[in-house]
Amino acid sequence: MARWTMGVALAACLACFVAGETAPARAQATEPQSWPEIKCARYRKAWSDALAHRGTKGLGRDFLERHEAFLASGCTTKGDVCPRSAEELDLANMMVVAAMNAGTASTFPPFACRK
C-alpha cells in the first residue's frame, strides 16, 4: 500500500510540475511550438523527473531503450514500450497520470504490450 501511495504522490507531483511547464523562451521569441511538440516536451520532462526521483532499479534495458526511441522520435512513434516488471508497471502508471494531467490523452504515452 505504501508503495502505491508513494507512486500516486510522485505522479501527482510530476503532473503539477508538468502542467505548469511553458515553452522555452527561445521558441516563444520565434515561432510558437506546435501542440504535439509541447506535449512531448512536457512528457519528456516528467520522464526525466521520474527517473531522477526513483532511479532505474527494476527497469529493463528493453523498456528503457524503447522508451528512449519514443522520445527521440518526438513522441510520434507507435507505442511499443511494454512494462513487464512491477517497477516498470509502476513507472508506466505514474507516467500515464502525469501525461493526462499535462493535458494529453491517456493514449499519448508509449506503453503497450502487443505480443
Protein backbone atom coordinates (compact mmCIF):
# COMPACT_ATOMS: atom_id res chain seq x y z
CA MET A 1 0.00 0.00 0.00
CA ALA A 2 2.79 2.45 0.90
CA ARG A 3 4.48 1.85 -2.47
CA TRP A 4 1.26 2.59 -4.33
CA THR A 5 0.68 5.73 -2.29
CA MET A 6 4.23 6.92 -2.96
CA GLY A 7 3.71 6.29 -6.69
CA VAL A 8 0.48 8.27 -6.69
CA ALA A 9 2.16 11.10 -4.79
CA LEU A 10 5.05 11.19 -7.27
CA ALA A 11 2.64 11.14 -10.21
CA ALA A 12 0.64 14.00 -8.71
CA CYS A 13 3.81 16.00 -8.08
CA LEU A 14 5.04 15.38 -11.63
CA ALA A 15 1.65 16.29 -13.05
CA CYS A 16 1.54 19.61 -11.20
CA PHE A 17 5.03 20.47 -12.37
CA VAL A 18 4.43 19.41 -15.96
CA ALA A 19 1.07 21.18 -16.21
CA GLY A 20 2.78 24.46 -15.35
CA GLU A 21 5.57 23.94 -17.88
CA THR A 22 5.78 26.57 -20.60
CA ALA A 23 7.56 26.65 -23.92
CA PRO A 24 11.21 27.74 -23.82
CA ALA A 25 11.80 31.47 -24.24
CA ARG A 26 13.69 30.99 -27.49
CA ALA A 27 10.71 29.21 -29.04
CA GLN A 28 8.38 31.99 -27.91
CA ALA A 29 10.65 34.61 -29.47
CA THR A 30 10.39 32.96 -32.87
CA GLU A 31 7.51 30.63 -33.70
CA PRO A 32 5.28 29.09 -31.08
CA GLN A 33 5.72 25.35 -30.68
CA SER A 34 3.04 23.05 -32.00
CA TRP A 35 0.78 21.23 -29.55
CA PRO A 36 2.46 17.85 -30.28
CA GLU A 37 5.87 19.43 -29.54
CA ILE A 38 4.59 20.94 -26.31
CA LYS A 39 3.07 17.62 -25.22
CA CYS A 40 6.31 15.80 -25.94
CA ALA A 41 8.38 18.40 -24.07
CA ARG A 42 6.11 18.13 -21.03
CA TYR A 43 6.17 14.35 -21.16
CA ARG A 44 9.97 14.25 -21.61
CA LYS A 45 10.37 16.50 -18.54
CA ALA A 46 8.06 14.30 -16.45
CA TRP A 47 10.01 11.20 -17.54
CA SER A 48 13.31 12.82 -16.64
CA ASP A 49 11.99 13.92 -13.26
CA ALA A 50 10.55 10.48 -12.52
CA LEU A 51 13.85 8.74 -13.31
CA ALA A 52 15.79 11.29 -11.26
CA HIS A 53 13.48 10.67 -8.32
CA ARG A 54 13.11 6.88 -8.45
CA GLY A 55 16.16 5.75 -10.42
CA THR A 56 16.24 2.88 -12.88
CA LYS A 57 16.30 -0.06 -10.47
CA GLY A 58 13.97 -2.77 -11.77
CA LEU A 59 13.67 -1.18 -15.22
CA GLY A 60 14.84 -3.45 -18.02
CA ARG A 61 17.12 -2.43 -20.86
CA ASP A 62 14.41 -3.11 -23.46
CA PHE A 63 11.90 -0.95 -21.56
CA LEU A 64 14.35 1.96 -21.30
CA GLU A 65 15.61 1.67 -24.90
CA ARG A 66 12.12 1.53 -26.39
CA HIS A 67 11.06 4.49 -24.29
CA GLU A 68 14.14 6.44 -25.39
CA ALA A 69 13.26 5.68 -29.04
CA PHE A 70 9.77 7.10 -28.41
CA LEU A 71 11.26 10.31 -27.01
CA ALA A 72 13.83 10.52 -29.82
CA SER A 73 11.00 10.37 -32.37
CA GLY A 74 9.45 13.48 -30.86
CA CYS A 75 6.85 11.25 -29.19
CA THR A 76 5.39 10.27 -32.54
CA THR A 77 6.16 6.55 -32.90
CA LYS A 78 3.52 3.95 -32.15
CA GLY A 79 3.71 2.79 -28.54
CA ASP A 80 5.66 -0.41 -28.05
CA VAL A 81 7.09 0.05 -24.55
CA CYS A 82 5.86 -2.99 -22.64
CA PRO A 83 6.14 -2.82 -18.84
CA ARG A 84 6.98 -6.31 -17.58
CA SER A 85 8.32 -5.88 -14.05
CA ALA A 86 6.42 -4.39 -11.13
CA GLU A 87 8.77 -1.39 -11.21
CA GLU A 88 8.15 -0.84 -14.93
CA LEU A 89 4.39 -1.04 -14.43
CA ASP A 90 4.53 1.41 -11.51
CA LEU A 91 6.50 3.89 -13.60
CA ALA A 92 4.22 3.44 -16.62
CA ASN A 93 1.17 4.11 -14.44
CA MET A 94 2.78 7.24 -12.99
CA MET A 95 3.62 8.48 -16.48
CA VAL A 96 0.06 7.96 -17.73
CA VAL A 97 -1.28 10.04 -14.83
CA ALA A 98 1.36 12.73 -15.35
CA ALA A 99 0.64 12.84 -19.10
CA MET A 100 -3.10 13.15 -18.58
CA ASN A 101 -2.63 15.93 -16.03
CA ALA A 102 -0.39 17.73 -18.51
CA GLY A 103 -3.28 17.88 -20.97
CA THR A 104 -2.61 14.83 -23.13
CA ALA A 105 -4.85 11.83 -23.64
CA SER A 106 -4.21 8.64 -21.71
CA THR A 107 -3.23 7.09 -25.05
CA PHE A 108 -0.30 9.53 -25.50
CA PRO A 109 2.32 7.57 -23.52
CA PRO A 110 4.01 4.75 -25.44
CA PHE A 111 3.03 1.87 -23.15
CA ALA A 112 1.60 -1.16 -24.92
CA CYS A 113 2.22 -4.90 -24.86
CA ARG A 114 1.38 -6.21 -28.30
CA LYS A 115 2.59 -9.81 -28.03
